[in-house]
Protein backbone atom coordinates (compact mmCIF):
# COMPACT_ATOMS: atom_id res chain seq x y z
CA MET A 1 74.59 -110.01 73.77
CA LYS A 2 76.52 -113.14 72.92
CA THR A 3 78.98 -111.12 70.81
CA PHE A 4 79.50 -108.65 73.62
CA LEU A 5 80.36 -111.45 76.07
CA ALA A 6 82.71 -113.06 73.54
CA VAL A 7 84.54 -109.76 73.02
CA PHE A 8 84.60 -109.06 76.76
CA PHE A 9 86.08 -112.48 77.61
CA GLY A 10 88.49 -112.22 74.68
CA ILE A 11 89.79 -108.90 76.03
CA LEU A 12 89.90 -110.32 79.55
CA ALA A 13 91.95 -113.31 78.31
CA ALA A 14 94.35 -110.99 76.44
CA VAL A 15 94.82 -108.85 79.57
CA ALA A 16 95.47 -112.02 81.61
CA VAL A 17 98.10 -113.18 79.12
CA ILE A 18 99.82 -109.77 79.10
CA ALA A 19 99.76 -109.64 82.92
CA THR A 20 101.22 -113.14 83.08
CA VAL A 21 104.04 -112.26 80.67
CA ILE A 22 104.83 -109.09 82.63
CA GLY A 23 104.69 -111.02 85.90
CA ILE A 24 107.08 -113.67 84.58
CA GLY A 25 109.45 -110.93 83.43
CA VAL A 26 109.41 -109.36 86.88
CA LEU A 27 110.00 -112.75 88.53
CA VAL A 28 112.92 -113.52 86.21
CA LYS A 29 114.48 -110.12 86.98
CA GLN A 30 114.04 -110.69 90.72
CA GLU A 31 115.55 -114.17 90.42
CA GLN A 32 118.55 -112.76 88.54
CA GLN A 33 119.06 -110.13 91.23
CA SER A 34 118.60 -112.56 94.09
CA GLY A 35 120.89 -115.05 92.32
CA ALA A 36 123.60 -112.39 92.22
CA LEU A 37 122.98 -111.62 95.88
CA ARG A 38 122.96 -115.32 96.72
CA SER A 39 126.34 -115.77 95.04
CA GLU A 40 127.83 -113.18 97.43
CA MET A 41 126.39 -114.67 100.62
CA PRO A 42 129.38 -116.99 101.21
CA ALA A 43 131.70 -113.96 101.13
CA HIS A 44 129.52 -112.28 103.76
CA GLY A 45 129.66 -115.48 105.81
CA LEU A 46 133.45 -115.47 105.65
CA LYS A 47 133.60 -111.82 106.69
CA THR A 48 131.34 -112.66 109.65
CA ILE A 49 133.65 -115.53 110.58
CA ALA A 50 136.77 -113.30 110.35
CA ILE A 51 135.22 -110.62 112.57
CA SER A 52 134.03 -113.26 115.03
CA CYS A 53 137.50 -114.84 115.13
CA GLU A 54 139.02 -111.48 116.07
CA THR A 55 136.39 -110.98 118.78
CA TYR A 56 137.04 -114.52 120.04
CA LYS A 57 140.80 -113.86 120.12
CA SER A 58 140.34 -110.63 122.09
CA PHE A 59 138.43 -112.55 124.78
CA PHE A 60 140.26 -115.89 124.89
CA GLY A 61 143.76 -114.89 123.76
CA HIS A 62 143.81 -117.12 120.68
CA TYR A 63 141.76 -118.04 117.64
CA PRO A 64 139.16 -120.81 117.90
CA LYS A 65 140.25 -124.40 117.36
CA ALA A 66 137.17 -125.15 115.26
CA LEU A 67 134.44 -123.25 113.45
CA ALA A 68 131.89 -124.77 115.80
CA ASP A 69 133.61 -123.01 118.74
CA LEU A 70 132.30 -119.69 117.39
CA GLY A 71 128.70 -120.95 117.62
CA TYR A 72 126.39 -122.16 120.33
CA LYS A 73 126.53 -125.45 122.22
CA ASP A 74 124.54 -128.11 120.39
CA GLY A 75 123.40 -125.45 117.92
CA LYS A 76 120.95 -123.99 120.45
CA ILE A 77 120.88 -120.21 120.69
CA GLU A 78 120.90 -119.78 124.45
CA GLY A 79 123.18 -118.70 127.24
CA ASP A 80 125.76 -115.98 127.53
CA ILE A 81 128.19 -115.20 124.77
CA LEU A 82 131.96 -115.29 125.22
CA LYS A 83 131.83 -117.30 128.44
CA ASP A 84 133.06 -120.64 127.07
CA PRO A 85 135.73 -121.06 124.35
CA LYS A 86 133.83 -124.08 122.99
CA ASN A 87 130.55 -122.18 122.95
CA ALA A 88 131.33 -118.53 122.17
CA GLY A 89 127.90 -117.69 120.73
CA LEU A 90 129.26 -115.29 118.12
CA ILE A 91 127.72 -116.79 114.97
CA ASP A 92 124.48 -118.57 114.23
CA PRO A 93 124.20 -122.38 114.28
CA TYR A 94 123.95 -122.64 110.49
CA LEU A 95 127.21 -120.82 109.84
CA SER A 96 129.00 -122.58 112.70
CA SER A 97 127.88 -125.94 111.25
CA GLY A 98 129.92 -125.13 108.14
CA LYS A 99 127.00 -125.73 105.76
CA ILE A 100 124.98 -122.72 104.63
CA TYR A 101 124.07 -120.80 101.45
CA GLY A 102 124.68 -123.97 99.41
CA TYR A 103 128.35 -123.86 100.42
CA ILE A 104 130.63 -125.86 102.68
CA PHE A 105 132.87 -123.77 104.96
CA SER A 106 136.10 -125.49 106.03
CA TYR A 107 138.01 -123.97 108.96
CA THR A 108 141.70 -124.86 109.36
CA VAL A 109 144.15 -123.94 112.10
CA ASP A 110 147.31 -122.99 110.19
CA ALA A 111 149.66 -122.44 113.14
CA ALA A 112 149.58 -122.83 116.92
CA ASP A 113 151.73 -121.73 119.84
CA LYS A 114 153.55 -124.06 122.27
CA ARG A 115 150.34 -124.64 124.24
CA GLY A 116 148.48 -125.66 121.08
CA SER A 117 146.45 -122.47 120.94
CA PRO A 118 145.78 -121.34 117.35
CA THR A 119 147.74 -118.29 116.18
CA SER A 120 146.48 -118.29 112.59
CA TYR A 121 143.64 -119.83 110.64
CA SER A 122 142.06 -119.97 107.22
CA VAL A 123 138.55 -120.70 106.01
CA ILE A 124 137.51 -121.72 102.53
CA ALA A 125 133.96 -121.76 101.22
CA SER A 126 133.27 -124.04 98.27
CA PRO A 127 129.96 -124.86 96.56
CA ALA A 128 128.38 -127.98 98.04
CA SER A 129 127.70 -129.14 94.49
CA GLY A 130 128.25 -127.85 91.00
CA SER A 131 130.26 -124.83 90.06
CA GLY A 132 130.48 -121.32 91.43
CA LYS A 133 132.85 -118.91 93.08
CA ARG A 134 135.14 -120.28 95.74
CA PHE A 135 136.08 -118.01 98.65
CA PHE A 136 138.90 -117.74 101.20
CA VAL A 137 139.65 -115.70 104.33
CA ASP A 138 142.34 -115.85 106.99
CA GLN A 139 143.34 -113.77 110.03
CA THR A 140 144.05 -110.78 107.76
CA GLY A 141 140.27 -110.48 107.25
CA VAL A 142 140.66 -110.09 103.47
CA VAL A 143 138.06 -112.17 101.63
CA ARG A 144 139.44 -113.58 98.38
CA PHE A 145 137.85 -115.59 95.59
CA THR A 146 138.44 -117.61 92.46
CA THR A 147 136.13 -118.77 89.70
CA GLU A 148 138.45 -121.69 88.93
CA ASN A 149 137.45 -125.20 89.94
CA ARG A 150 139.81 -125.37 92.96
CA PRO A 151 139.82 -124.12 96.54
CA ALA A 152 140.46 -120.38 96.89
CA SER A 153 143.67 -119.33 98.62
CA ALA A 154 145.61 -116.38 100.04
CA THR A 155 147.04 -115.69 96.58
CA ASP A 156 143.64 -115.16 94.92
CA ILE A 157 141.94 -111.89 94.03
CA PRO A 158 140.52 -109.86 96.95
CA ASP A 159 136.74 -109.50 96.88
CA PHE A 160 136.55 -105.70 96.94
CA SER A 161 132.75 -105.82 97.11
CA MET A 162 133.25 -106.70 100.78
CA ASP A 163 134.97 -103.34 101.35
CA ARG A 164 131.76 -101.50 100.49
CA GLN A 165 129.78 -103.21 103.24
């Protein structure tokens, strides 16, 4: 009986080791896939900002003066959207804060009319720390990126993966 139990627990231990190895393999594969997805999230954020800027412009006649203007007052999701140019309610508080997905989003007004209303803008998304892709979008709506250690710009490669969305 003792031999039977030893064999049984030996087989059980072997099955547990095999299951653990398979489980780790699955987790590594999922992490690789989610890592790839995670690396594209800033581009999706920029596309959201570009679409929201166009919506904002159609309602208020100009682009927002700041990224926060696309969000909600005090970061609270409440109230009507597109009623107040400082509180448009078009993007979530995390994106309008400029810090999300491990990236920092910097919104810049590139040109303004005589009244000071923005007529063009650009947004760059750079990793908050370390290395990674850097992204750019402006009023054209084309998301661009670079893998170089510098801010992305209008002269960089378009991110064609955004066209398949």
